[in-house]
């Protein structure tokens, strides 16, 4: 387990339960165990992004443990969920007003079973920690109606929401191009680049929505923690970018939970240090799953 020191930035912490090539500096002598060290570093920041791979149960167990350790260190942040659209916030507030701390009631209130996200049992440990500690729960994502508007008729999107998310300010060209590249690769290069613009608008809006929700929640609580996919946790183009560049947030820390494979061999590099402050590598949850083949089959059915 090694710590990569990046001049002028938070360190990129590489945690992996396997031998990592000695390309990074070891943790300082006398340092507590790496997970406790990471939790303490995260707890020292007002805004924390915990990026996951959605279908990896270990990632959610790690998120729950880190959140619990932050609470033990005295923090009481709001918990912002990528998986819950903004329209569900009234249901969340009603549940909180009734003093209900049952994670399964939370899942029912936000319609998790019908949402298309992985099984609630993966995310339940996170909600259990948050509800037991009385942390505010915040719906972070844009609603499906907004997604449809942005994809097909962006001019019809709610102006007040667009202003709140600061989406009327164009992205720098380099950032916009980087988002396009991630969307293109995220769809396994199956969608021609000239047809990506609607997807790019939606991706940017999701990141901006998560960032705005964190800023808004943090103003009413002891900071905010985001539970989201790894791409959203990025500082260079994801919600972290919007927090820092569009909302002027300070004290931001991002963690990526990544699966170790041929593309991610648990070796620190400059690319990772630009994206995240901390990186934790785990084993693959579904090593035999071919996402691109599944996506190609879906596209084939809809041709």
Protein backbone atom coordinates (compact mmCIF):
# COMPACT_ATOMS: atom_id res chain seq x y z
CA UNK A 1 0.00 0.00 0.00
CA UNK A 2 1.64 3.18 -1.16
CA UNK A 3 1.17 6.92 -1.19
CA UNK A 4 1.98 8.85 -4.35
CA UNK A 5 3.00 12.41 -3.52
CA UNK A 6 1.92 14.91 -6.18
CA UNK A 7 3.50 18.37 -5.78
CA UNK A 8 0.91 21.02 -5.01
CA UNK A 9 -1.95 18.56 -4.75
CA UNK A 10 -3.46 16.15 -2.30
CA UNK A 11 -1.66 12.81 -2.46
CA UNK A 12 -3.02 10.03 -4.60
CA UNK A 13 -3.45 7.15 -2.19
CA UNK A 14 -3.23 3.77 -3.82
CA UNK A 15 -4.79 1.04 -1.73
CA UNK A 16 -4.72 -2.46 -3.13
CA UNK A 17 -4.73 -5.89 -1.58
CA UNK A 18 -1.96 -7.12 -3.83
CA UNK A 19 1.68 -6.25 -4.40
CA UNK A 20 1.94 -2.84 -6.09
CA UNK A 21 5.04 -1.94 -8.12
CA UNK A 22 7.33 0.35 -6.14
CA UNK A 23 6.55 3.42 -8.22
CA UNK A 24 5.18 5.49 -5.37
CA UNK A 25 6.42 6.65 -2.01
CA UNK A 26 5.41 4.51 0.98
CA UNK A 27 3.16 5.92 3.67
CA UNK A 28 5.14 7.93 6.24
CA UNK A 29 6.63 5.93 9.08
CA UNK A 30 4.22 5.52 11.97
CA UNK A 31 1.17 6.23 9.82
CA UNK A 32 -2.04 4.50 10.88
CA UNK A 33 -3.46 1.82 8.62
CA UNK A 34 -4.22 3.16 5.13
CA UNK A 35 -8.02 3.02 5.41
CA UNK A 36 -8.02 4.97 8.65
CA UNK A 37 -5.53 7.41 7.12
CA UNK A 38 -7.79 7.87 4.10
CA UNK A 39 -10.88 8.38 6.26
CA UNK A 40 -9.11 11.05 8.27
CA UNK A 41 -7.95 12.82 5.11
CA UNK A 42 -11.46 12.76 3.68
CA UNK A 43 -12.97 13.96 6.95
CA UNK A 44 -10.72 17.03 6.83
CA UNK A 45 -12.47 18.22 3.64
CA UNK A 46 -15.90 19.83 3.49
CA UNK A 47 -16.92 18.26 0.18
CA UNK A 48 -16.07 14.61 -0.51
CA UNK A 49 -16.79 12.61 -3.67
CA UNK A 50 -16.80 8.82 -3.31
CA UNK A 51 -16.68 7.34 -6.82
CA UNK A 52 -17.66 3.72 -7.36
CA UNK A 53 -18.27 1.04 -9.93
CA UNK A 54 -21.99 0.60 -9.51
CA UNK A 55 -22.15 -3.21 -9.61
CA UNK A 56 -19.19 -3.89 -7.31
CA UNK A 57 -20.52 -4.68 -3.80
CA UNK A 58 -17.09 -4.17 -2.26
CA UNK A 59 -17.08 -0.56 -3.40
CA UNK A 60 -20.28 0.10 -1.49
CA UNK A 61 -18.97 -1.62 1.62
CA UNK A 62 -15.88 0.61 1.44
CA UNK A 63 -18.02 3.73 0.98
CA UNK A 64 -20.09 2.75 4.02
CA UNK A 65 -17.00 2.15 6.16
CA UNK A 66 -15.42 5.45 5.16
CA UNK A 67 -18.63 7.33 5.87
CA UNK A 68 -18.91 5.62 9.26
CA UNK A 69 -15.33 6.59 10.11
CA UNK A 70 -16.01 10.19 9.08
CA UNK A 71 -19.00 10.20 11.44
CA UNK A 72 -16.84 8.72 14.21
CA UNK A 73 -14.41 11.58 13.64
CA UNK A 74 -17.19 14.03 14.39
CA UNK A 75 -18.43 14.90 10.90
CA UNK A 76 -22.15 15.13 10.07
CA UNK A 77 -22.25 15.75 6.31
CA UNK A 78 -25.28 15.53 4.06
CA UNK A 79 -25.27 12.48 1.80
CA UNK A 80 -25.96 13.23 -1.86
CA UNK A 81 -27.07 10.37 -4.09
CA UNK A 82 -26.46 10.14 -7.84
CA UNK A 83 -29.00 7.31 -7.88
CA UNK A 84 -31.89 9.47 -6.69
CA UNK A 85 -33.42 12.11 -9.02
CA UNK A 86 -34.32 15.53 -7.67
CA UNK A 87 -38.04 14.89 -7.93
CA UNK A 88 -37.77 12.37 -5.09
CA UNK A 89 -36.60 14.96 -2.56
CA UNK A 90 -40.09 15.63 -1.14
CA UNK A 91 -40.50 11.92 -0.39
CA UNK A 92 -37.10 11.90 1.33
CA UNK A 93 -38.03 14.97 3.37
CA UNK A 94 -41.34 13.42 4.42
CA UNK A 95 -39.52 10.32 5.61
CA UNK A 96 -37.02 12.40 7.57
CA UNK A 97 -39.79 14.51 9.11
CA UNK A 98 -41.39 11.33 10.41
CA UNK A 99 -38.15 10.32 12.09
CA UNK A 100 -37.91 7.07 10.14
CA UNK A 101 -34.36 5.68 9.98
CA UNK A 102 -35.15 2.39 8.25
CA UNK A 103 -32.94 2.06 5.12
CA UNK A 104 -35.54 -0.08 3.39
CA UNK A 105 -38.19 2.60 3.91
CA UNK A 106 -35.79 5.04 2.27
CA UNK A 107 -35.42 2.71 -0.70
CA UNK A 108 -39.19 2.43 -0.98
CA UNK A 109 -39.63 6.20 -0.74
CA UNK A 110 -37.29 6.87 -3.68
CA UNK A 111 -38.59 3.97 -5.78
CA UNK A 112 -35.28 2.15 -5.85
CA UNK A 113 -36.71 -1.18 -7.01
CA UNK A 114 -38.06 0.45 -10.18
CA UNK A 115 -35.07 2.72 -10.78
CA UNK A 116 -32.84 0.36 -12.75
CA UNK A 117 -29.92 0.72 -10.35
CA UNK A 118 -28.17 -2.39 -8.94
CA UNK A 119 -29.89 -4.24 -6.11
CA UNK A 120 -30.59 -2.12 -3.05
CA UNK A 121 -28.71 -4.60 -0.88
CA UNK A 122 -25.46 -3.21 -2.36
CA UNK A 123 -26.24 0.35 -1.28
CA UNK A 124 -28.10 -0.44 1.93
CA UNK A 125 -24.97 -0.33 4.16
CA UNK A 126 -24.34 3.28 3.09
CA UNK A 127 -27.90 4.35 3.85
CA UNK A 128 -27.80 2.47 7.16
CA UNK A 129 -24.77 4.45 8.33
CA UNK A 130 -26.23 7.76 7.18
CA UNK A 131 -29.68 7.26 8.68
CA UNK A 132 -28.34 5.94 11.97
CA UNK A 133 -26.20 9.09 12.26
CA UNK A 134 -29.09 11.36 11.28
CA UNK A 135 -27.34 12.64 8.17
CA UNK A 136 -29.50 14.58 5.70
CA UNK A 137 -30.23 12.62 2.53
CA UNK A 138 -30.23 14.57 -0.73
CA UNK A 139 -31.41 13.63 -4.21
CA UNK A 140 -28.65 14.71 -6.56
CA UNK A 141 -29.45 13.72 -10.13
CA UNK A 142 -31.59 15.35 -12.79
CA UNK A 143 -34.97 13.79 -13.45
CA UNK A 144 -35.84 11.71 -16.51
CA UNK A 145 -37.97 14.51 -17.93
CA UNK A 146 -34.98 16.86 -17.83
CA UNK A 147 -32.83 14.18 -19.46
CA UNK A 148 -35.32 13.89 -22.32
CA UNK A 149 -35.47 17.66 -22.75
CA UNK A 150 -31.70 18.07 -22.79
CA UNK A 151 -31.30 15.22 -25.23
CA UNK A 152 -34.01 16.20 -27.72
CA UNK A 153 -34.93 19.84 -27.14
CA UNK A 154 -32.51 21.65 -24.80
CA UNK A 155 -34.25 24.97 -25.35
CA UNK A 156 -37.31 23.59 -23.54
CA UNK A 157 -35.39 22.70 -20.38
CA UNK A 158 -36.35 24.52 -17.19
CA UNK A 159 -34.54 27.85 -17.27
CA UNK A 160 -34.38 28.22 -13.50
CA UNK A 161 -32.77 24.79 -13.20
CA UNK A 162 -30.30 25.53 -15.98
CA UNK A 163 -29.36 28.78 -14.24
CA UNK A 164 -29.00 27.02 -10.88
CA UNK A 165 -26.72 24.42 -12.46
CA UNK A 166 -24.84 27.17 -14.32
CA UNK A 167 -25.25 25.27 -17.56
CA UNK A 168 -25.65 28.46 -19.58
CA UNK A 169 -21.93 29.07 -19.19
CA UNK A 170 -20.10 27.13 -21.92
CA UNK A 171 -17.43 24.65 -20.90
CA UNK A 172 -13.85 25.35 -21.90
CA UNK A 173 -13.15 23.57 -25.18
CA UNK A 174 -10.61 21.22 -23.65
CA UNK A 175 -13.06 20.14 -20.95
CA UNK A 176 -15.88 19.69 -23.42
CA UNK A 177 -13.63 17.58 -25.68
CA UNK A 178 -12.57 15.44 -22.72
CA UNK A 179 -16.22 14.84 -21.83
CA UNK A 180 -16.91 13.82 -25.43
CA UNK A 181 -14.04 11.35 -25.34
CA UNK A 182 -15.33 9.75 -22.14
CA UNK A 183 -18.88 9.53 -23.51
CA UNK A 184 -17.56 8.01 -26.74
CA UNK A 185 -15.47 5.43 -24.90
CA UNK A 186 -18.21 4.87 -22.32
CA UNK A 187 -20.47 3.77 -25.18
CA UNK A 188 -17.73 1.44 -26.43
CA UNK A 189 -17.17 3.62 -29.53
CA UNK A 190 -20.45 2.30 -30.90
CA UNK A 191 -22.06 5.72 -31.33
CA UNK A 192 -20.63 7.98 -34.07
CA UNK A 193 -19.09 11.14 -32.67
CA UNK A 194 -21.44 13.34 -34.67
CA UNK A 195 -24.36 11.85 -32.73
CA UNK A 196 -22.90 12.32 -29.26
CA UNK A 197 -23.97 15.89 -28.55
CA UNK A 198 -27.24 14.99 -26.76
CA UNK A 199 -25.36 12.50 -24.56
CA UNK A 200 -22.70 15.10 -23.79
CA UNK A 201 -25.35 17.63 -22.72
CA UNK A 202 -26.90 15.07 -20.39
CA UNK A 203 -23.54 14.00 -18.93
CA UNK A 204 -22.53 17.59 -18.20
CA UNK A 205 -25.95 18.30 -16.68
CA UNK A 206 -25.69 15.27 -14.40
CA UNK A 207 -22.28 16.37 -13.15
CA UNK A 208 -23.48 19.94 -12.64
CA UNK A 209 -26.59 18.69 -10.83
CA UNK A 210 -24.54 16.58 -8.42
CA UNK A 211 -22.18 19.48 -7.77
CA UNK A 212 -25.01 21.95 -7.17
CA UNK A 213 -26.75 19.50 -4.84
CA UNK A 214 -23.55 19.13 -2.84
CA UNK A 215 -23.07 22.88 -2.52
CA UNK A 216 -26.71 23.41 -1.53
CA UNK A 217 -26.66 20.52 0.95
CA UNK A 218 -23.35 21.61 2.46
CA UNK A 219 -24.81 25.02 3.24
CA UNK A 220 -27.40 23.34 5.48
CA UNK A 221 -25.19 20.63 6.99
CA UNK A 222 -21.62 19.82 7.95
CA UNK A 223 -20.45 19.61 4.36
CA UNK A 224 -21.55 16.94 1.89
CA UNK A 225 -20.50 13.50 0.67
CA UNK A 226 -21.42 12.30 -2.82
CA UNK A 227 -22.15 8.67 -3.67
CA UNK A 228 -21.73 8.34 -7.43
CA UNK A 229 -20.05 6.56 -10.29
CA UNK A 230 -16.33 7.07 -10.70
CA UNK A 231 -16.65 9.36 -13.72
CA UNK A 232 -18.79 11.76 -11.70
CA UNK A 233 -16.16 11.90 -8.95
CA UNK A 234 -13.52 13.29 -11.29
CA UNK A 235 -11.96 16.70 -10.58
CA UNK A 236 -11.03 17.41 -14.19
CA UNK A 237 -14.39 16.95 -15.95
CA UNK A 238 -16.88 15.44 -13.49
CA UNK A 239 -18.84 16.85 -10.57
CA UNK A 240 -15.52 17.79 -8.99
CA UNK A 241 -14.83 20.12 -11.91
CA UNK A 242 -18.17 21.88 -11.47
CA UNK A 243 -17.67 22.18 -7.73
CA UNK A 244 -14.29 23.81 -8.10
CA UNK A 245 -14.58 25.76 -11.36
CA UNK A 246 -18.25 26.71 -11.55
CA UNK A 247 -19.27 26.93 -7.89
CA UNK A 248 -15.92 28.04 -6.48
CA UNK A 249 -15.92 25.33 -3.82
CA UNK A 250 -12.92 24.82 -1.60
CA UNK A 251 -11.88 21.82 0.49
CA UNK A 252 -12.86 19.25 -2.15
CA UNK A 253 -11.50 15.69 -2.05
CA UNK A 254 -12.28 12.94 -4.55
CA UNK A 255 -11.83 9.18 -4.19
CA UNK A 256 -12.09 6.70 -7.05
CA UNK A 257 -12.78 3.07 -6.30
CA UNK A 258 -11.47 1.21 -9.33
CA UNK A 259 -11.27 -2.43 -10.28
CA UNK A 260 -7.78 -3.69 -10.95
CA UNK A 261 -7.51 -5.15 -14.45
CA UNK A 262 -5.40 -4.82 -17.59
CA UNK A 263 -6.51 -1.19 -18.02
CA UNK A 264 -6.07 -0.35 -14.34
CA UNK A 265 -3.00 -2.27 -13.09
CA UNK A 266 -2.80 -0.33 -9.79
CA UNK A 267 0.14 1.77 -10.93
CA UNK A 268 0.08 5.49 -10.10
CA UNK A 269 0.34 7.79 -13.09
CA UNK A 270 -0.16 11.41 -14.06
CA UNK A 271 -3.54 10.74 -15.65
CA UNK A 272 -5.01 9.42 -12.41
CA UNK A 273 -3.56 12.29 -10.40
CA UNK A 274 -5.36 14.78 -12.64
CA UNK A 275 -8.68 13.01 -12.15
CA UNK A 276 -8.73 12.11 -8.46
CA UNK A 277 -7.10 12.85 -5.15
CA UNK A 278 -7.22 9.25 -3.96
CA UNK A 279 -7.50 5.93 -5.78
CA UNK A 280 -8.39 2.58 -4.20
CA UNK A 281 -8.04 -0.52 -6.36
CA UNK A 282 -10.16 -3.60 -5.69
CA UNK A 283 -10.70 -6.89 -7.45
CA UNK A 284 -13.21 -7.18 -10.27
CA UNK A 285 -16.71 -8.09 -9.14
CA UNK A 286 -17.80 -9.59 -12.46
CA UNK A 287 -14.64 -10.51 -14.38
CA UNK A 288 -16.49 -12.37 -17.13
CA UNK A 289 -18.99 -9.62 -17.96
CA UNK A 290 -18.54 -7.96 -21.36
CA UNK A 291 -20.31 -4.60 -21.13
CA UNK A 292 -19.50 -3.63 -24.70
CA UNK A 293 -21.00 -6.85 -26.06
CA UNK A 294 -24.14 -6.19 -24.02
CA UNK A 295 -24.35 -2.63 -25.31
CA UNK A 296 -23.80 -3.76 -28.91
CA UNK A 297 -26.62 -6.27 -28.53
CA UNK A 298 -28.94 -3.57 -27.14
CA UNK A 299 -28.10 -1.23 -30.00
CA UNK A 300 -28.69 -4.02 -32.48
CA UNK A 301 -32.20 -4.60 -31.14
CA UNK A 302 -33.09 -0.93 -31.54
CA UNK A 303 -31.84 -0.45 -35.09
